């Protein structure tokens, strides 16, 4: 005989029972695990979930497109070192968010995407339900993990599982599927409360083996031209003082990847960023801290000393030997590995020979002088260099400002011109090099920090997420968007040899991006000289509100694909395109 349920017992005793449902359990589980912000786009079946979360004190930031909400959640995870949460509707909305979730996984950002979905019995028989899709199956190839909650009593476990998976080990994106019927399911509150749990130590320390530490120390101690490469994983670790202590105590020169800029100030005497090519070409022992030998580092092959030996700190042992043999793998979290290195290294055991440091300093001085000459120029029409120098000079007076950066030339040139002095304050296209992260990253940086944000955007890149300037204005965020407007995907002077339609890379040369933000109540500026950029950005930052500066750049400025034009395949048509006869 089956025991009566709580509802049946209460009904028999004519005692009112306090009830809950799937919506409440999702919100309760998130709050129990310190999720204080959700980024998303509402619709069937999750609109009431967003309303309830807001009513229960969780900040909800509503976007115009799910990809942008997802990018915001992803970068929030990076900045806070805890999973960012994105909320989307089913099918198309889920797929839009999946772009950001996949990007988060590639970049090792902790993020959870929660999506409503159609009923399983209809999806499985392909009966044509509203927005029918097997979302779990669609997500699995692109994420760290994907889970589905099929019973209301499993919501607490599903939330906990997703959050832990996203942040533990190598962080990444996790998909959590919750069908509409589960969200609407009702049960006694006491029973529901018992299904919730708070995570204990979701990202435990992972200590390296002592023998591995000693092996790395011996290799570094033997180096004549040692080099450290800092990746965004080093910034994510938030072990800033320990990274700096290792660099400065050993005297080893270092090269920061773009999102690691500011972990140590860009003008630090040991920075070899301005002598990067020489450093990679000649280093004999290279220590990778939170960096991977992927395409951004030429797979450890192109441009490197072929005899270089590598020390790599990574929490994922599968990363070792992915492109080059790793002579001294250090598997563990960055802070624990640096602690072990400090504990087991004898004073003066690891040093950087003065001749090596002096060689890099001399090359840096040469390159800095060349850059200074380029920055002195003030041609008309305005060039990237002039506009970005103006941005750099204004931002230097506001070191708390976050810089978000995407585009081709806008990204490459800004990375070299705008120096960083604070960790985790440069947010850019990252490992995948994707376009469209700009407004999502800018919104999350402002929401999570309350600090001013300057988003430096190529005009093409801005188009991927530009409608979110309405979101910026709606929430009155301190975001200034600076658009490098040269009227093209790479440059604006390409032509169509066949007819008078725009070429594939041509955008509207007369575009007035500054008027867009004014439609939503923000302040728009149009700048045609560096002096006008300076004045506009100074005023915009002082106002503390939403603003957009349309920087009119020479249409001939820029190069195809920016600094990675070598990735374009060379076919027989390159440089030899003959227009068809009409």
Protein backbone atom coordinates (compact mmCIF):
# COMPACT_ATOMS: atom_id res chain seq x y z
CA UNK A 1 0.00 0.00 0.00
CA UNK A 2 1.38 3.41 -0.93
CA UNK A 3 1.87 5.96 1.86
CA UNK A 4 -0.27 9.11 1.51
CA UNK A 5 1.46 12.21 0.19
CA UNK A 6 1.80 15.43 2.16
CA UNK A 7 -0.99 16.96 0.06
CA UNK A 8 -3.30 13.99 0.73
CA UNK A 9 -2.55 14.04 4.45
CA UNK A 10 -3.19 17.78 4.65
CA UNK A 11 -6.40 17.45 2.68
CA UNK A 12 -7.65 14.67 4.97
CA UNK A 13 -6.93 16.80 8.02
CA UNK A 14 -8.41 19.89 6.33
CA UNK A 15 -5.10 21.73 7.03
CA UNK A 16 -3.90 24.30 4.44
CA UNK A 17 -0.55 23.37 2.96
CA UNK A 18 1.91 25.99 1.79
CA UNK A 19 2.81 25.27 -1.81
CA UNK A 20 5.67 26.06 -4.13
CA UNK A 21 6.42 25.41 -7.79
CA UNK A 22 9.28 25.01 -10.23
CA UNK A 23 9.65 28.74 -10.75
CA UNK A 24 10.13 29.34 -7.02
CA UNK A 25 12.52 26.42 -6.64
CA UNK A 26 14.77 27.74 -9.44
CA UNK A 27 14.93 31.15 -7.80
CA UNK A 28 15.39 29.70 -4.32
CA UNK A 29 18.21 27.45 -5.54
CA UNK A 30 19.98 30.35 -7.26
CA UNK A 31 19.67 32.60 -4.20
CA UNK A 32 20.90 29.83 -1.91
CA UNK A 33 24.04 29.63 -4.05
CA UNK A 34 24.70 33.38 -4.10
CA UNK A 35 23.54 34.12 -7.64
CA UNK A 36 22.61 37.79 -7.44
CA UNK A 37 22.28 38.73 -11.14
CA UNK A 38 20.64 37.15 -14.18
CA UNK A 39 21.10 38.33 -17.76
CA UNK A 40 18.46 37.32 -20.24
CA UNK A 41 15.61 37.77 -22.71
CA UNK A 42 12.13 36.81 -21.53
CA UNK A 43 9.33 34.97 -23.33
CA UNK A 44 7.45 31.66 -23.15
CA UNK A 45 8.03 29.82 -20.80
CA UNK A 46 10.41 31.82 -18.59
CA UNK A 47 8.85 35.29 -18.31
CA UNK A 48 7.44 34.64 -14.84
CA UNK A 49 10.77 33.18 -13.77
CA UNK A 50 12.44 36.53 -14.47
CA UNK A 51 9.64 38.41 -12.69
CA UNK A 52 9.90 36.17 -9.65
CA UNK A 53 13.70 36.41 -9.53
CA UNK A 54 13.45 40.19 -9.55
CA UNK A 55 10.77 40.16 -6.85
CA UNK A 56 13.01 37.97 -4.70
CA UNK A 57 15.95 40.36 -4.92
CA UNK A 58 17.93 38.90 -7.81
CA UNK A 59 18.94 41.64 -10.22
CA UNK A 60 17.58 40.95 -13.69
CA UNK A 61 19.14 42.68 -16.72
CA UNK A 62 16.94 42.31 -19.78
CA UNK A 63 18.57 42.37 -23.22
CA UNK A 64 17.34 42.70 -26.78
CA UNK A 65 19.12 39.56 -28.06
CA UNK A 66 20.09 36.35 -26.30
CA UNK A 67 23.66 36.23 -27.61
CA UNK A 68 24.38 39.57 -25.97
CA UNK A 69 22.79 38.47 -22.69
CA UNK A 70 24.92 35.33 -22.82
CA UNK A 71 28.10 37.27 -23.46
CA UNK A 72 27.26 39.46 -20.47
CA UNK A 73 26.81 36.41 -18.24
CA UNK A 74 30.05 34.92 -19.50
CA UNK A 75 32.18 37.96 -18.77
CA UNK A 76 30.47 38.38 -15.40
CA UNK A 77 31.71 34.89 -14.62
CA UNK A 78 35.23 35.88 -15.63
CA UNK A 79 35.19 39.06 -13.57
CA UNK A 80 33.67 37.53 -10.43
CA UNK A 81 35.23 34.08 -10.54
CA UNK A 82 31.79 32.53 -10.11
CA UNK A 83 29.28 31.36 -12.71
CA UNK A 84 27.37 34.04 -14.58
CA UNK A 85 23.79 33.08 -15.36
CA UNK A 86 21.88 33.67 -18.60
CA UNK A 87 18.17 33.00 -19.03
CA UNK A 88 16.64 32.31 -22.45
CA UNK A 89 13.48 31.05 -24.03
CA UNK A 90 13.31 27.82 -25.99
CA UNK A 91 14.52 26.84 -29.49
CA UNK A 92 15.65 30.00 -31.39
CA UNK A 93 16.30 31.89 -28.15
CA UNK A 94 18.24 28.93 -26.79
CA UNK A 95 20.30 28.75 -29.99
CA UNK A 96 21.09 32.46 -29.83
CA UNK A 97 22.33 32.03 -26.29
CA UNK A 98 24.31 28.93 -27.22
CA UNK A 99 26.70 31.08 -29.29
CA UNK A 100 27.78 32.86 -26.11
CA UNK A 101 27.82 29.64 -24.09
CA UNK A 102 30.15 27.99 -26.60
CA UNK A 103 32.35 31.09 -26.57
CA UNK A 104 32.44 30.97 -22.76
CA UNK A 105 33.56 27.34 -22.90
CA UNK A 106 36.32 28.12 -25.38
CA UNK A 107 37.50 31.03 -23.24
CA UNK A 108 37.18 29.10 -19.95
CA UNK A 109 34.61 31.48 -18.45
CA UNK A 110 32.22 29.97 -15.87
CA UNK A 111 28.66 30.41 -17.13
CA UNK A 112 25.30 28.65 -16.89
CA UNK A 113 22.57 29.09 -19.51
CA UNK A 114 19.12 28.16 -18.24
CA UNK A 115 16.54 27.71 -20.97
CA UNK A 116 12.90 26.79 -20.93
CA UNK A 117 11.96 24.05 -23.37
CA UNK A 118 9.03 22.21 -24.92
CA UNK A 119 7.49 19.12 -23.37
CA UNK A 120 9.58 15.99 -23.73
CA UNK A 121 6.79 13.66 -24.87
CA UNK A 122 6.01 16.04 -27.75
CA UNK A 123 9.64 16.65 -28.68
CA UNK A 124 10.53 12.97 -28.63
CA UNK A 125 7.70 12.04 -30.97
CA UNK A 126 8.33 15.14 -33.08
CA UNK A 127 4.72 16.20 -32.81
CA UNK A 128 5.37 19.82 -33.75
CA UNK A 129 5.15 21.62 -30.41
CA UNK A 130 5.68 25.37 -30.06
CA UNK A 131 9.44 25.97 -30.53
CA UNK A 132 10.04 22.24 -30.48
CA UNK A 133 13.70 21.22 -30.25
CA UNK A 134 15.85 18.68 -28.44
CA UNK A 135 17.91 21.43 -26.83
CA UNK A 136 19.97 19.13 -24.64
CA UNK A 137 21.27 17.22 -27.66
CA UNK A 138 21.93 20.45 -29.55
CA UNK A 139 23.96 21.93 -26.71
CA UNK A 140 26.15 18.98 -25.81
CA UNK A 141 28.84 19.29 -28.52
CA UNK A 142 29.55 22.93 -27.69
CA UNK A 143 29.65 23.12 -23.90
CA UNK A 144 31.50 21.76 -20.92
CA UNK A 145 28.35 19.90 -19.84
CA UNK A 146 24.60 19.85 -20.47
CA UNK A 147 21.86 18.69 -18.10
CA UNK A 148 18.07 18.43 -18.18
CA UNK A 149 15.73 18.64 -15.20
CA UNK A 150 12.79 16.32 -15.85
CA UNK A 151 11.16 16.40 -12.40
CA UNK A 152 10.35 19.40 -10.25
CA UNK A 153 12.00 17.76 -7.24
CA UNK A 154 15.31 17.70 -9.16
CA UNK A 155 15.51 21.46 -9.77
CA UNK A 156 17.73 22.12 -6.74
CA UNK A 157 20.07 19.32 -7.71
CA UNK A 158 20.18 20.50 -11.31
CA UNK A 159 21.04 24.09 -10.37
CA UNK A 160 23.75 22.94 -7.97
CA UNK A 161 25.17 20.49 -10.50
CA UNK A 162 25.30 23.14 -13.21
CA UNK A 163 26.96 25.77 -11.02
CA UNK A 164 29.58 23.35 -9.71
CA UNK A 165 30.39 22.02 -13.16
CA UNK A 166 30.79 25.51 -14.59
CA UNK A 167 33.34 26.67 -12.01
CA UNK A 168 35.22 23.51 -11.01
CA UNK A 169 38.43 22.44 -12.70
CA UNK A 170 38.78 24.31 -15.98
CA UNK A 171 35.78 26.68 -16.00
CA UNK A 172 33.36 26.64 -18.89
CA UNK A 173 29.80 26.91 -20.11
CA UNK A 174 27.04 24.64 -18.82
CA UNK A 175 23.57 24.27 -20.29
CA UNK A 176 20.58 23.54 -18.03
CA UNK A 177 17.32 22.57 -19.74
CA UNK A 178 14.07 22.99 -17.79
CA UNK A 179 10.85 22.06 -19.62
CA UNK A 180 7.81 24.26 -19.17
CA UNK A 181 5.84 21.59 -17.31
CA UNK A 182 8.61 21.32 -14.71
CA UNK A 183 8.62 25.07 -14.15
CA UNK A 184 4.88 25.03 -13.60
CA UNK A 185 4.74 21.89 -11.47
CA UNK A 186 3.37 22.39 -7.92
CA UNK A 187 4.38 20.59 -4.74
CA UNK A 188 4.34 21.27 -0.99
CA UNK A 189 6.86 23.93 -0.04
CA UNK A 190 8.34 21.80 2.74
CA UNK A 191 9.08 19.03 0.26
CA UNK A 192 10.52 21.49 -2.23
CA UNK A 193 12.74 23.13 0.37
CA UNK A 194 14.27 19.78 1.25
CA UNK A 195 15.44 19.36 -2.35
CA UNK A 196 17.61 22.51 -2.25
CA UNK A 197 21.28 22.55 -1.27
CA UNK A 198 24.13 25.00 -0.98
CA UNK A 199 27.36 24.09 -2.72
CA UNK A 200 30.36 23.29 -0.53
CA UNK A 201 33.78 24.16 -1.96
CA UNK A 202 32.70 24.12 -5.64
CA UNK A 203 36.18 25.06 -6.92
CA UNK A 204 38.60 23.30 -4.58
CA UNK A 205 42.31 23.97 -4.71
CA UNK A 206 44.27 21.55 -6.84
CA UNK A 207 47.85 21.23 -5.66
CA UNK A 208 50.68 20.21 -7.97
CA UNK A 209 52.85 17.21 -7.23
CA UNK A 210 56.08 18.17 -5.41
CA UNK A 211 58.23 16.35 -7.95
CA UNK A 212 56.56 18.32 -10.75
CA UNK A 213 57.35 21.57 -8.97
CA UNK A 214 60.99 20.58 -8.50
CA UNK A 215 61.25 19.62 -12.17
CA UNK A 216 59.96 23.02 -13.21
CA UNK A 217 62.31 24.83 -10.85
CA UNK A 218 65.32 22.96 -12.23
CA UNK A 219 64.34 23.76 -15.81
CA UNK A 220 63.79 27.45 -15.08
CA UNK A 221 67.06 27.62 -13.15
CA UNK A 222 68.93 26.26 -16.16
CA UNK A 223 67.56 28.86 -18.56
CA UNK A 224 69.75 31.47 -20.20
CA UNK A 225 66.81 33.30 -21.78
CA UNK A 226 63.72 32.55 -19.67
CA UNK A 227 60.34 34.05 -20.45
CA UNK A 228 56.93 34.04 -18.79
CA UNK A 229 53.74 34.27 -20.85
CA UNK A 230 50.70 35.45 -18.88
CA UNK A 231 47.31 34.43 -20.24
CA UNK A 232 43.82 35.50 -19.24
CA UNK A 233 43.70 32.42 -17.01
CA UNK A 234 46.30 34.14 -14.82
CA UNK A 235 44.01 37.16 -14.58
CA UNK A 236 40.97 34.99 -13.89
CA UNK A 237 42.78 33.29 -11.00
CA UNK A 238 42.86 36.56 -9.05
CA UNK A 239 46.24 35.59 -7.63
CA UNK A 240 47.59 38.98 -8.66
CA UNK A 241 50.03 39.52 -5.82
CA UNK A 242 51.50 36.04 -6.20
CA UNK A 243 51.94 36.38 -9.96
CA UNK A 244 53.71 39.68 -9.42
CA UNK A 245 55.87 38.26 -6.63
CA UNK A 246 57.04 35.39 -8.84
CA UNK A 247 57.85 37.70 -11.75
CA UNK A 248 59.69 40.27 -9.66
CA UNK A 249 61.53 37.83 -7.40
CA UNK A 250 62.96 35.92 -10.36
CA UNK A 251 63.49 38.90 -12.66
CA UNK A 252 62.12 36.91 -15.62
CA UNK A 253 60.78 39.04 -18.48
CA UNK A 254 57.13 38.46 -19.30
CA UNK A 255 54.73 38.87 -22.20
CA UNK A 256 51.03 39.37 -21.38
CA UNK A 257 48.28 38.14 -23.64
CA UNK A 258 45.69 40.83 -24.30
CA UNK A 259 43.29 40.08 -21.44
CA UNK A 260 46.23 39.60 -19.06
CA UNK A 261 47.34 43.17 -19.67
CA UNK A 262 47.23 45.09 -16.40
CA UNK A 263 47.98 42.05 -14.27
CA UNK A 264 51.24 43.89 -13.97
CA UNK A 265 51.27 47.46 -15.33
CA UNK A 266 52.08 47.66 -19.02
CA UNK A 267 55.00 49.98 -18.21
CA UNK A 268 56.56 47.47 -15.78
CA UNK A 269 60.32 47.24 -16.39
CA UNK A 270 60.13 43.47 -16.93
CA UNK A 271 57.40 43.66 -19.55
CA UNK A 272 58.60 42.43 -22.94
CA UNK A 273 55.28 43.16 -24.65
CA UNK A 274 56.90 45.71 -26.93
CA UNK A 275 59.65 43.24 -27.80
CA UNK A 276 57.35 40.25 -28.12
CA UNK A 277 58.66 38.92 -31.45
CA UNK A 278 62.25 38.92 -30.20
CA UNK A 279 61.26 37.39 -26.88
CA UNK A 280 59.45 34.46 -28.49
CA UNK A 281 62.13 33.97 -31.11
CA UNK A 282 64.98 33.67 -28.62
CA UNK A 283 63.55 32.39 -25.31
CA UNK A 284 64.96 29.00 -24.39
CA UNK A 285 62.65 28.20 -21.45
CA UNK A 286 59.10 29.51 -21.49
CA UNK A 287 56.72 29.38 -18.55
CA UNK A 288 53.03 29.56 -19.48
CA UNK A 289 50.81 30.85 -16.67
CA UNK A 290 47.15 30.57 -17.61
CA UNK A 291 48.02 30.67 -21.31
CA UNK A 292 47.58 27.99 -23.96
CA UNK A 293 49.72 27.33 -27.02
CA UNK A 294 46.81 27.85 -29.38
CA UNK A 295 46.61 29.95 -32.56
CA UNK A 296 47.10 33.17 -30.60
CA UNK A 297 50.61 31.97 -29.77
CA UNK A 298 51.33 30.37 -33.14
CA UNK A 299 50.79 26.91 -31.59
CA UNK A 300 54.21 27.32 -30.00
CA UNK A 301 55.79 26.93 -33.43
CA UNK A 302 55.55 29.93 -35.75
CA UNK A 303 57.82 32.69 -34.48
CA UNK A 304 59.22 30.64 -31.61
CA UNK A 305 62.68 29.36 -30.84
CA UNK A 306 62.44 25.79 -32.19
CA UNK A 307 64.55 24.57 -29.27
CA UNK A 308 62.44 26.25 -26.59
CA UNK A 309 61.33 24.08 -23.68
CA UNK A 310 58.07 24.77 -21.93
CA UNK A 311 56.83 24.88 -18.36
CA UNK A 312 53.03 25.07 -18.25
CA UNK A 313 50.65 25.77 -15.38
CA UNK A 314 47.17 24.51 -16.16
CA UNK A 315 44.40 22.97 -14.12
CA UNK A 316 43.54 20.55 -16.94
CA UNK A 317 46.15 17.85 -17.57
CA UNK A 318 44.74 17.25 -21.06
CA UNK A 319 46.04 20.67 -22.11
CA UNK A 320 49.64 19.52 -21.78
CA UNK A 321 51.40 18.55 -25.02
CA UNK A 322 48.45 19.84 -27.08
CA UNK A 323 50.76 21.62 -29.53
CA UNK A 324 54.29 21.25 -28.20
CA UNK A 325 55.90 18.85 -25.74
CA UNK A 326 55.69 20.27 -22.23
CA UNK A 327 58.96 19.55 -20.47
CA UNK A 328 57.65 20.51 -17.03
CA UNK A 329 53.86 20.24 -16.67
CA UNK A 330 52.44 21.79 -13.51
CA UNK A 331 48.88 20.54 -13.09
CA UNK A 332 46.97 22.55 -10.53
CA UNK A 333 45.27 25.85 -9.92
CA UNK A 334 47.51 28.86 -10.50
CA UNK A 335 47.54 30.14 -6.93
CA UNK A 336 48.47 26.74 -5.49
CA UNK A 337 51.20 26.21 -8.07
CA UNK A 338 52.72 29.63 -7.39
CA UNK A 339 52.60 28.93 -3.66
CA UNK A 340 54.43 25.65 -4.23
CA UNK A 341 57.05 27.30 -6.43
CA UNK A 342 57.68 29.98 -3.81
CA UNK A 343 57.96 27.37 -1.07
CA UNK A 344 60.33 25.03 -2.91
CA UNK A 345 62.56 27.52 -4.76
CA UNK A 346 65.78 28.45 -3.02
CA UNK A 347 66.65 32.16 -2.86
CA UNK A 348 68.37 33.18 -6.09
CA UNK A 349 67.85 29.76 -7.68
CA UNK A 350 65.80 31.15 -10.58
CA UNK A 351 67.15 34.28 -12.24
CA UNK A 352 67.13 36.00 -15.60
CA UNK A 353 70.65 36.79 -16.88
CA UNK A 354 71.20 40.52 -17.21
CA UNK A 355 72.32 40.22 -20.86
CA UNK A 356 68.93 38.75 -21.80
CA UNK A 357 66.98 41.40 -19.96
CA UNK A 358 69.09 44.18 -21.43
CA UNK A 359 68.60 42.84 -24.96
CA UNK A 360 64.82 42.91 -24.54
CA UNK A 361 64.87 46.36 -22.93
CA UNK A 362 66.90 47.72 -25.84
CA UNK A 363 64.50 46.26 -28.41
CA UNK A 364 61.53 47.58 -26.44
CA UNK A 365 63.03 51.06 -26.43
CA UNK A 366 63.44 50.96 -30.20
CA UNK A 367 59.87 49.82 -30.76
CA UNK A 368 58.41 52.29 -28.28
CA UNK A 369 60.24 55.12 -30.06
CA UNK A 370 58.84 53.99 -33.41
CA UNK A 371 55.32 53.86 -31.96
CA UNK A 372 55.77 57.33 -30.45
CA UNK A 373 56.60 58.72 -33.88
CA UNK A 374 53.50 57.13 -35.36
CA UNK A 375 51.36 58.51 -32.55
CA UNK A 376 52.69 62.03 -33.10
CA UNK A 377 51.20 62.18 -36.56
CA UNK A 378 47.86 63.96 -36.87
CA UNK A 379 46.74 63.47 -40.46
CA UNK A 380 43.35 64.36 -41.84
CA UNK A 381 41.11 62.41 -42.32
CA UNK A 382 41.62 60.92 -38.85
CA UNK A 383 43.43 57.59 -38.57
CA UNK A 384 43.03 54.77 -36.03
CA UNK A 385 46.19 55.82 -34.25
CA UNK A 386 45.09 59.39 -33.65
CA UNK A 387 41.63 58.45 -32.37
CA UNK A 388 42.96 55.69 -30.11
CA UNK A 389 45.75 57.86 -28.71
CA UNK A 390 43.07 60.33 -27.66
CA UNK A 391 41.15 57.52 -25.96
CA UNK A 392 44.31 56.31 -24.25
CA UNK A 393 45.20 59.73 -22.89
CA UNK A 394 41.74 60.34 -21.44
CA UNK A 395 41.46 56.88 -19.91
CA UNK A 396 44.87 57.23 -18.23
CA UNK A 397 43.25 59.77 -15.92
CA UNK A 398 40.55 57.21 -15.06
CA UNK A 399 42.40 53.96 -14.27
CA UNK A 400 39.23 52.41 -12.85
CA UNK A 401 37.74 52.39 -16.36
CA UNK A 402 37.09 49.06 -18.06
CA UNK A 403 38.10 48.80 -21.70
CA UNK A 404 36.01 46.55 -23.92
CA UNK A 405 37.49 46.08 -27.37
CA UNK A 406 36.48 44.27 -30.54
CA UNK A 407 36.88 44.57 -34.29
CA UNK A 408 39.73 43.83 -36.65
CA UNK A 409 41.93 46.91 -36.87
CA UNK A 410 40.08 48.53 -33.96
CA UNK A 411 41.08 45.54 -31.81
CA UNK A 412 44.65 45.15 -33.01
CA UNK A 413 45.62 48.80 -32.84
CA UNK A 414 43.83 49.53 -29.56
CA UNK A 415 45.59 46.58 -27.94
CA UNK A 416 48.94 48.17 -28.81
CA UNK A 417 48.01 51.77 -28.05
CA UNK A 418 45.83 51.69 -24.92
CA UNK A 419 47.99 50.59 -22.01
CA UNK A 420 46.51 48.89 -18.95
CA UNK A 421 47.49 49.22 -15.30
CA UNK A 422 44.72 47.34 -13.50
CA UNK A 423 44.00 43.60 -13.83
CA UNK A 424 40.84 42.31 -15.51
CA UNK A 425 40.02 45.73 -16.93
CA UNK A 426 40.66 44.84 -20.58
CA UNK A 427 37.93 42.63 -22.06
CA UNK A 428 38.16 41.64 -25.71
CA UNK A 429 37.35 39.03 -28.35
CA UNK A 430 39.47 36.38 -26.66
CA UNK A 431 40.37 32.90 -27.81
CA UNK A 432 37.81 32.54 -30.57
CA UNK A 433 38.31 36.09 -31.85
CA UNK A 434 34.54 36.48 -32.21
CA UNK A 435 32.69 39.65 -33.09
CA UNK A 436 29.59 40.63 -31.14
CA UNK A 437 30.88 40.50 -27.57
CA UNK A 438 31.12 44.27 -27.24
CA UNK A 439 27.86 45.52 -25.78
CA UNK A 440 27.27 42.40 -23.67
CA UNK A 441 30.71 42.65 -22.09
CA UNK A 442 30.34 46.41 -21.58
CA UNK A 443 26.96 46.06 -19.88
CA UNK A 444 28.15 43.30 -17.55
CA UNK A 445 31.33 45.18 -16.63
CA UNK A 446 29.25 48.22 -15.68
CA UNK A 447 26.61 46.19 -13.85
CA UNK A 448 29.06 44.05 -11.89
CA UNK A 449 31.53 46.81 -10.99
CA UNK A 450 29.64 50.10 -11.09
CA UNK A 451 32.76 51.55 -12.74
CA UNK A 452 32.85 53.42 -16.05
CA UNK A 453 33.28 51.40 -19.22
CA UNK A 454 34.68 52.50 -22.58
CA UNK A 455 33.80 50.11 -25.40
CA UNK A 456 36.14 50.63 -28.37
CA UNK A 457 34.33 49.12 -31.34
CA UNK A 458 34.99 48.69 -35.01
CA UNK A 459 31.95 49.90 -36.94
CA UNK A 460 31.37 46.39 -38.29
CA UNK A 461 31.78 44.74 -34.88
CA UNK A 462 29.39 47.24 -33.31
CA UNK A 463 26.68 46.11 -35.69
CA UNK A 464 26.53 42.66 -34.10
CA UNK A 465 25.25 43.96 -30.77
CA UNK A 466 24.59 47.66 -31.33
CA UNK A 467 20.89 47.52 -30.41
CA UNK A 468 21.99 46.95 -26.82
CA UNK A 469 22.72 50.67 -26.52
CA UNK A 470 18.99 50.74 -25.71
CA UNK A 471 19.72 48.38 -22.81
CA UNK A 472 22.57 50.65 -21.70
CA UNK A 473 20.23 53.65 -21.72
CA UNK A 474 17.34 51.77 -20.09
CA UNK A 475 19.51 50.85 -17.12
CA UNK A 476 21.35 54.20 -17.18
CA UNK A 477 24.77 52.51 -17.24
CA UNK A 478 28.09 54.43 -17.31
CA UNK A 479 29.08 53.03 -20.71
CA UNK A 480 30.71 55.12 -23.44
CA UNK A 481 30.81 53.40 -26.82
CA UNK A 482 33.57 54.66 -29.13
CA UNK A 483 33.09 53.55 -32.74
CA UNK A 484 36.00 53.53 -35.19
CA UNK A 485 33.91 54.38 -38.25
CA UNK A 486 35.80 53.85 -41.51
CA UNK A 487 32.71 52.71 -43.39
CA UNK A 488 33.75 49.12 -43.92
CA UNK A 489 34.19 45.68 -42.45
CA UNK A 490 37.97 46.20 -42.65
CA UNK A 491 38.10 49.48 -44.56
CA UNK A 492 35.55 51.49 -46.45
CA UNK A 493 37.12 51.99 -49.86
CA UNK A 494 36.56 48.56 -51.40
CA UNK A 495 34.66 48.51 -54.69
CA UNK A 496 32.33 46.21 -56.54
CA UNK A 497 33.78 45.63 -60.04
CA UNK A 498 30.46 44.33 -61.42
CA UNK A 499 27.88 47.02 -60.68
CA UNK A 500 27.13 49.87 -58.31
CA UNK A 501 25.95 47.70 -55.39
CA UNK A 502 28.18 47.82 -52.27
CA UNK A 503 31.17 45.48 -52.14
CA UNK A 504 31.13 42.61 -49.60
CA UNK A 505 33.17 44.65 -47.11
CA UNK A 506 31.51 48.04 -47.63
CA UNK A 507 29.26 49.61 -45.00
CA UNK A 508 27.39 52.90 -45.14
CA UNK A 509 29.99 55.66 -45.30
CA UNK A 510 27.57 58.34 -44.09
CA UNK A 511 26.38 56.36 -41.06
CA UNK A 512 25.59 58.49 -38.01
CA UNK A 513 26.01 56.12 -35.10
CA UNK A 514 25.86 59.05 -32.71
CA UNK A 515 22.20 59.60 -33.57
CA UNK A 516 21.31 56.02 -32.64
CA UNK A 517 21.93 56.50 -28.94
CA UNK A 518 20.07 59.78 -28.91
CA UNK A 519 16.96 57.90 -29.98
CA UNK A 520 17.15 56.09 -26.63
CA UNK A 521 17.99 59.11 -24.49
CA UNK A 522 21.79 58.85 -24.41
CA UNK A 523 24.31 61.45 -25.50
CA UNK A 524 25.79 61.22 -28.99
CA UNK A 525 28.99 62.81 -30.27
CA UNK A 526 30.53 62.95 -33.73
CA UNK A 527 34.32 63.37 -33.84
CA UNK A 528 36.47 63.95 -36.90
CA UNK A 529 39.74 64.88 -35.14
CA UNK A 530 41.65 63.52 -32.13
CA UNK A 531 40.95 66.77 -30.29
CA UNK A 532 37.22 66.22 -30.75
CA UNK A 533 37.58 62.64 -29.48
CA UNK A 534 39.37 63.94 -26.39
CA UNK A 535 36.71 66.54 -25.68
CA UNK A 536 33.82 64.12 -26.24
CA UNK A 537 35.25 61.29 -24.14
CA UNK A 538 36.21 63.64 -21.32
CA UNK A 539 32.69 65.03 -21.19
CA UNK A 540 31.05 61.63 -21.52
CA UNK A 541 33.03 60.07 -18.67
CA UNK A 542 32.37 63.08 -16.47
CA UNK A 543 28.62 62.72 -17.05
CA UNK A 544 28.60 59.13 -15.82
CA UNK A 545 25.82 58.22 -18.22
CA UNK A 546 25.29 56.42 -21.53
CA UNK A 547 27.12 58.01 -24.46
CA UNK A 548 28.37 57.13 -27.93
CA UNK A 549 31.19 58.74 -29.91
CA UNK A 550 31.19 58.20 -33.68
CA UNK A 551 34.85 58.62 -34.68
CA UNK A 552 35.00 59.28 -38.40
CA UNK A 553 38.10 57.49 -39.69
CA UNK A 554 39.73 57.64 -43.11
CA UNK A 555 37.90 55.03 -45.26
CA UNK A 556 41.27 53.82 -46.53
CA UNK A 557 42.52 53.17 -42.99
CA UNK A 558 42.89 49.57 -41.96
CA UNK A 559 44.03 46.31 -43.47
CA UNK A 560 42.14 43.18 -44.51
CA UNK A 561 41.51 41.07 -41.38
CA UNK A 562 43.78 43.28 -39.30
CA UNK A 563 46.87 41.57 -37.93
CA UNK A 564 45.69 38.07 -38.85
CA UNK A 565 45.40 38.49 -42.60
CA UNK A 566 47.77 35.52 -42.96
CA UNK A 567 44.85 33.30 -41.92
CA UNK A 568 43.01 34.11 -45.15
CA UNK A 569 43.47 31.19 -47.57
CA UNK A 570 45.24 32.11 -50.80
CA UNK A 571 43.39 30.89 -53.84
CA UNK A 572 43.86 31.53 -57.55
CA UNK A 573 41.35 34.41 -57.47
CA UNK A 574 43.25 36.47 -54.92
CA UNK A 575 44.37 39.69 -56.56
CA UNK A 576 43.07 38.45 -59.90
CA UNK A 577 39.30 38.82 -59.77
CA UNK A 578 37.83 39.49 -63.20
CA UNK A 579 34.29 40.86 -63.22
CA UNK A 580 31.71 38.94 -65.24
CA UNK A 581 30.22 40.55 -68.32
CA UNK A 582 26.72 41.90 -67.89
